[in-house]
Amino acid sequence: MMSRNHPPEHPDIGRLKERALNLRRLMLNMASGKGEGYIAQGLGIADCLAALYFHELRYDPDAPDWKDRDRFVLSTGHYAIAMYAVLAEAGYLPVTELASYGLNGSSLPMSTFDDTPGVEMVGGSLGHGLGQSVGMAIGLRLDGSPARVFNELSDGELQEGSTWEAAMGAATFKLDSLVAIIDCNGIQADGPVTVMIDPVADKFTAFGWEAVEIDGNDMQALVTALANARTPNGKPKAIVLRTIPGKGVPTLERRDRAHFVRVANDEWDELKAELEIHHG
């Protein structure tokens, strides 16, 4: 039984950083096997997923449908490579299964798949994750469940009107069990995010949320923000992350077009070597 009723009072920041490093290793292995992937976003969000799964969330990988589990909703389905890495690290999947990432017939396609243990929603049609999370949080409240709902969404999704409709609904229903984690990495499919979305935290505050903006690659800041979001004060919570696409691999951090990464087969080993040299 790996579920946790309460996060540790004193987080082990060093151990959480090791978890994030291992997630990045797993992602690079998956991408190199396929030869391509949405790897830059995954490397950028690795610290947040490590903090969530190994400090904050309550879950049981041996019982993925445990009714009182916290829900993690990955709205950006193309971040699946990061989701699979953390699900394997958490015990939902055998690590060996990651080798099938993106292959025909695999249960680990390049965008999330609802048959994968631990996946709560099929993401990919952007702008739907927050609305579905609002519905989950209302349903859990009606059921009297103590479970919380964490929704990862992207800065690109802030350009979708449905996201703001859901934000208004969450405040109206005082969903203080809902935490939106907004990954602001500044990129989308065809280049930089071009529609003015800042100041993101102030906008969520104006919509009736409690919001904070942090360095999304700072483990201590992540743990602190998640701990502060536990307070039941009648407001949904928004944690705005500023992350670096390709974090930990300098060649990818410097890449101008990082939404989808494809490199020559012999370059993957160089990227893996960079991670081992520059992490920490």
Protein backbone atom coordinates (compact mmCIF):
# COMPACT_ATOMS: atom_id res chain seq x y z
CA MET A 1 0.00 0.00 0.00
CA MET A 2 1.73 3.19 -1.18
CA SER A 3 -1.09 5.66 -0.50
CA ARG A 4 -0.38 8.44 1.97
CA ASN A 5 -2.99 10.05 4.18
CA HIS A 6 -0.84 13.09 4.82
CA PRO A 7 2.23 14.57 3.12
CA PRO A 8 5.36 14.47 5.27
CA GLU A 9 5.62 17.43 7.62
CA HIS A 10 9.20 18.02 6.52
CA PRO A 11 9.77 17.39 2.81
CA ASP A 12 13.04 15.84 1.69
CA ILE A 13 13.99 18.34 -1.01
CA GLY A 14 17.13 16.43 -2.00
CA ARG A 15 15.16 13.22 -2.52
CA LEU A 16 12.49 15.05 -4.53
CA LYS A 17 15.23 16.47 -6.79
CA GLU A 18 16.55 12.94 -7.31
CA ARG A 19 13.04 11.86 -8.31
CA ALA A 20 12.83 14.70 -10.83
CA LEU A 21 16.20 13.74 -12.29
CA ASN A 22 15.07 10.17 -12.70
CA LEU A 23 11.89 11.33 -14.44
CA ARG A 24 14.06 13.23 -16.92
CA ARG A 25 16.20 10.14 -17.51
CA LEU A 26 13.10 8.05 -18.20
CA MET A 27 11.74 10.67 -20.61
CA LEU A 28 14.97 10.87 -22.59
CA ASN A 29 15.00 7.08 -22.87
CA MET A 30 11.42 7.08 -24.17
CA ALA A 31 12.07 9.85 -26.68
CA SER A 32 15.28 8.27 -27.94
CA GLY A 33 13.50 4.96 -28.47
CA LYS A 34 10.84 6.63 -30.57
CA GLY A 35 13.32 9.10 -32.07
CA GLU A 36 11.06 12.04 -31.34
CA GLY A 37 8.58 13.40 -28.83
CA TYR A 38 7.20 16.27 -26.78
CA ILE A 39 10.26 16.03 -24.60
CA ALA A 40 11.00 19.71 -23.87
CA GLN A 41 7.70 20.32 -22.06
CA GLY A 42 8.15 17.09 -20.12
CA LEU A 43 11.61 18.04 -18.92
CA GLY A 44 10.24 21.43 -17.88
CA ILE A 45 7.40 20.02 -15.76
CA ALA A 46 9.42 17.19 -14.16
CA ASP A 47 10.09 19.06 -10.91
CA CYS A 48 6.39 19.77 -10.42
CA LEU A 49 5.39 16.16 -11.06
CA ALA A 50 8.02 14.93 -8.61
CA ALA A 51 6.71 17.29 -5.92
CA LEU A 52 3.11 16.25 -6.61
CA TYR A 53 3.49 12.48 -6.72
CA PHE A 54 6.16 12.06 -4.07
CA HIS A 55 5.10 14.69 -1.58
CA GLU A 56 1.53 15.92 -2.10
CA LEU A 57 -0.92 13.51 -3.72
CA ARG A 58 -2.75 10.67 -2.00
CA TYR A 59 -2.96 7.60 -4.22
CA ASP A 60 -2.50 3.86 -4.31
CA PRO A 61 -0.88 2.40 -7.45
CA ASP A 62 -2.19 -1.04 -6.46
CA ALA A 63 -5.73 0.35 -6.50
CA PRO A 64 -5.78 3.06 -9.23
CA ASP A 65 -9.57 3.49 -8.82
CA TRP A 66 -9.47 3.98 -5.03
CA LYS A 67 -12.45 6.32 -4.59
CA ASP A 68 -10.78 8.76 -2.20
CA ARG A 69 -7.60 9.18 -4.22
CA ASP A 70 -6.59 12.68 -5.18
CA ARG A 71 -7.19 13.30 -8.87
CA PHE A 72 -4.45 14.60 -11.14
CA VAL A 73 -5.86 15.82 -14.45
CA LEU A 74 -3.32 16.35 -17.22
CA SER A 75 -5.03 18.74 -19.61
CA THR A 76 -2.05 18.94 -21.96
CA GLY A 77 -2.27 15.42 -23.36
CA HIS A 78 0.92 15.87 -25.35
CA TYR A 79 2.83 16.01 -22.02
CA ALA A 80 2.09 12.28 -21.79
CA ILE A 81 5.77 11.40 -21.85
CA ALA A 82 6.14 13.10 -18.46
CA MET A 83 2.96 11.47 -17.15
CA TYR A 84 4.15 7.98 -18.09
CA ALA A 85 7.52 8.62 -16.47
CA VAL A 86 5.98 9.63 -13.14
CA LEU A 87 3.41 6.82 -13.25
CA ALA A 88 6.23 4.33 -13.71
CA GLU A 89 8.27 5.93 -10.94
CA ALA A 90 5.20 5.82 -8.66
CA GLY A 91 4.53 2.15 -9.34
CA TYR A 92 1.53 2.29 -11.66
CA LEU A 93 3.48 0.93 -14.64
CA PRO A 94 6.50 -1.33 -15.06
CA VAL A 95 9.47 0.77 -16.13
CA THR A 96 10.10 -1.75 -18.92
CA GLU A 97 6.73 -0.80 -20.48
CA LEU A 98 8.04 2.71 -21.18
CA ALA A 99 10.04 1.27 -24.08
CA SER A 100 6.75 0.99 -26.00
CA TYR A 101 6.13 4.76 -25.86
CA GLY A 102 4.61 6.01 -29.11
CA LEU A 103 4.73 2.64 -30.89
CA ASN A 104 1.77 1.21 -32.78
CA GLY A 105 -0.49 -0.78 -30.44
CA SER A 106 1.15 0.55 -27.29
CA SER A 107 -0.93 1.57 -24.27
CA LEU A 108 1.41 4.57 -24.01
CA PRO A 109 0.64 6.70 -27.08
CA MET A 110 2.22 10.11 -27.60
CA SER A 111 -0.91 11.74 -26.18
CA THR A 112 -2.66 10.39 -23.07
CA PHE A 113 -4.89 7.32 -23.22
CA ASP A 114 -7.62 6.63 -20.66
CA ASP A 115 -6.82 2.93 -20.44
CA THR A 116 -3.41 3.69 -18.92
CA PRO A 117 -3.52 3.09 -15.13
CA GLY A 118 -3.41 6.40 -13.26
CA VAL A 119 -4.65 8.54 -16.17
CA GLU A 120 -7.84 10.38 -15.16
CA MET A 121 -8.65 12.13 -18.45
CA VAL A 122 -7.71 11.96 -22.10
CA GLY A 123 -6.14 15.34 -22.75
CA GLY A 124 -5.07 16.92 -25.98
CA SER A 125 -8.09 18.92 -27.06
CA LEU A 126 -6.86 21.96 -25.19
CA GLY A 127 -8.97 24.06 -22.89
CA HIS A 128 -11.06 21.22 -21.45
CA GLY A 129 -8.99 20.14 -18.44
CA LEU A 130 -10.05 22.86 -16.03
CA GLY A 131 -13.75 22.41 -16.85
CA GLN A 132 -13.54 18.66 -16.27
CA SER A 133 -11.65 19.26 -13.03
CA VAL A 134 -14.38 21.61 -11.82
CA GLY A 135 -16.92 18.86 -12.49
CA MET A 136 -14.80 16.29 -10.63
CA ALA A 137 -14.40 18.59 -7.62
CA ILE A 138 -18.16 19.22 -7.45
CA GLY A 139 -18.89 15.50 -7.74
CA LEU A 140 -16.40 14.61 -4.99
CA ARG A 141 -17.95 17.24 -2.73
CA LEU A 142 -21.43 15.80 -3.32
CA ASP A 143 -20.06 12.35 -2.47
CA GLY A 144 -18.55 13.66 0.77
CA SER A 145 -15.08 12.60 -0.37
CA PRO A 146 -11.95 14.24 1.11
CA ALA A 147 -10.14 13.87 -2.23
CA ARG A 148 -8.68 16.94 -3.92
CA VAL A 149 -8.35 17.68 -7.64
CA PHE A 150 -5.13 18.96 -9.22
CA ASN A 151 -5.31 20.16 -12.82
CA GLU A 152 -2.23 20.86 -14.92
CA LEU A 153 -2.89 23.18 -17.83
CA SER A 154 -0.71 25.32 -20.05
CA ASP A 155 -0.27 28.99 -20.81
CA GLY A 156 -1.49 28.28 -24.34
CA GLU A 157 -4.79 27.07 -22.88
CA LEU A 158 -5.32 30.46 -21.28
CA GLN A 159 -6.15 31.60 -24.81
CA GLU A 160 -9.22 29.32 -24.72
CA GLY A 161 -12.42 30.95 -23.48
CA SER A 162 -13.55 27.66 -21.94
CA THR A 163 -10.69 27.89 -19.44
CA TRP A 164 -11.99 31.20 -18.08
CA GLU A 165 -15.59 29.97 -18.01
CA ALA A 166 -14.40 27.09 -15.84
CA ALA A 167 -12.40 29.50 -13.66
CA MET A 168 -15.54 31.53 -13.00
CA GLY A 169 -17.48 28.39 -12.14
CA ALA A 170 -14.82 27.17 -9.70
CA ALA A 171 -14.96 30.47 -7.80
CA THR A 172 -18.77 30.53 -7.84
CA PHE A 173 -18.90 27.06 -6.26
CA LYS A 174 -16.08 27.91 -3.80
CA LEU A 175 -14.08 24.83 -4.81
CA ASP A 176 -11.22 25.06 -2.34
CA SER A 177 -10.32 21.42 -3.03
CA LEU A 178 -9.32 22.38 -6.60
CA VAL A 179 -5.74 23.37 -7.45
CA ALA A 180 -4.90 24.57 -10.97
CA ILE A 181 -1.24 24.28 -11.91
CA ILE A 182 -0.54 26.47 -14.92
CA ASP A 183 2.65 25.66 -16.80
CA CYS A 184 3.81 28.93 -18.34
CA ASN A 185 6.74 27.84 -20.52
CA GLY A 186 6.12 30.43 -23.22
CA ILE A 187 5.86 28.01 -26.15
CA GLN A 188 3.11 26.50 -28.26
CA ALA A 189 2.95 24.50 -31.46
CA ASP A 190 4.15 27.13 -33.93
CA GLY A 191 6.43 29.20 -31.71
CA PRO A 192 6.13 31.52 -28.73
CA VAL A 193 2.79 32.19 -27.04
CA THR A 194 1.70 35.36 -28.80
CA VAL A 195 -1.58 36.37 -27.13
CA MET A 196 -1.01 38.55 -24.07
CA ILE A 197 -1.78 36.36 -21.04
CA ASP A 198 0.14 38.14 -18.27
CA PRO A 199 -0.31 38.89 -15.45
CA VAL A 200 -1.63 35.36 -15.07
CA ALA A 201 -1.79 35.21 -11.25
CA ASP A 202 -3.55 38.58 -11.07
CA LYS A 203 -6.16 37.40 -13.56
CA PHE A 204 -6.96 34.31 -11.50
CA THR A 205 -7.14 36.48 -8.40
CA ALA A 206 -9.59 38.75 -10.20
CA PHE A 207 -11.69 35.67 -10.99
CA GLY A 208 -11.97 34.89 -7.26
CA TRP A 209 -9.05 32.46 -6.88
CA GLU A 210 -6.13 32.43 -4.49
CA ALA A 211 -3.13 32.62 -6.81
CA VAL A 212 0.65 32.58 -6.55
CA GLU A 213 3.41 32.63 -9.15
CA ILE A 214 6.67 30.72 -8.62
CA ASP A 215 9.76 29.37 -10.38
CA GLY A 216 8.41 26.02 -11.55
CA ASN A 217 11.86 24.45 -11.49
CA ASP A 218 12.55 25.40 -7.84
CA MET A 219 11.68 22.36 -5.71
CA GLN A 220 11.45 24.25 -2.43
CA ALA A 221 9.11 26.82 -4.00
CA LEU A 222 6.93 24.04 -5.42
CA VAL A 223 6.61 22.22 -2.10
CA THR A 224 5.81 25.46 -0.27
CA ALA A 225 3.17 26.51 -2.80
CA LEU A 226 1.49 23.09 -2.67
CA ALA A 227 1.49 23.16 1.14
CA ASN A 228 -0.10 26.63 1.18
CA ALA A 229 -2.78 25.44 -1.25
CA ARG A 230 -4.08 22.95 1.34
CA THR A 231 -5.83 25.68 3.32
CA PRO A 232 -9.64 25.39 2.98
CA ASN A 233 -10.69 29.04 2.60
CA GLY A 234 -13.56 28.83 0.14
CA LYS A 235 -11.36 29.70 -2.84
CA PRO A 236 -9.91 27.50 -5.59
CA LYS A 237 -6.12 27.75 -5.79
CA ALA A 238 -3.91 28.60 -8.78
CA ILE A 239 -0.16 27.95 -8.82
CA VAL A 240 1.44 29.66 -11.81
CA LEU A 241 4.69 27.97 -12.82
CA ARG A 242 7.41 29.62 -14.86
CA THR A 243 9.26 26.65 -16.32
CA ILE A 244 12.10 26.25 -18.80
CA PRO A 245 11.38 23.92 -21.74
CA GLY A 246 14.14 21.31 -21.93
CA LYS A 247 15.19 21.97 -18.32
CA GLY A 248 18.37 20.08 -17.43
CA VAL A 249 19.57 19.58 -21.03
CA PRO A 250 21.23 22.81 -22.24
CA THR A 251 20.98 21.95 -25.94
CA LEU A 252 17.20 21.66 -25.60
CA GLU A 253 16.94 24.70 -23.34
CA ARG A 254 18.57 26.77 -26.13
CA ARG A 255 16.38 25.36 -28.89
CA ASP A 256 14.15 27.97 -30.53
CA ARG A 257 11.37 25.61 -31.62
CA ALA A 258 11.00 23.14 -28.78
CA HIS A 259 7.33 22.14 -28.95
CA PHE A 260 8.14 18.88 -30.75
CA VAL A 261 11.69 17.55 -30.73
CA ARG A 262 13.22 15.30 -33.34
CA VAL A 263 17.01 14.83 -33.46
CA ALA A 264 19.37 12.40 -35.22
CA ASN A 265 19.65 8.98 -33.60
CA ASP A 266 23.26 9.53 -32.57
CA GLU A 267 22.42 12.80 -30.79
CA TRP A 268 20.23 11.26 -28.08
CA ASP A 269 23.26 9.92 -26.21
CA GLU A 270 24.72 13.43 -26.23
CA LEU A 271 21.51 14.83 -24.71
CA LYS A 272 21.53 12.14 -22.02
CA ALA A 273 25.15 12.97 -21.22
CA GLU A 274 24.27 16.65 -20.89
CA LEU A 275 21.59 15.80 -18.32
CA GLU A 276 24.06 13.89 -16.17
CA ILE A 277 26.58 16.76 -16.31
CA HIS A 278 24.21 19.68 -15.76
CA HIS A 279 21.52 18.44 -13.38
CA GLY A 280 21.34 19.79 -9.88
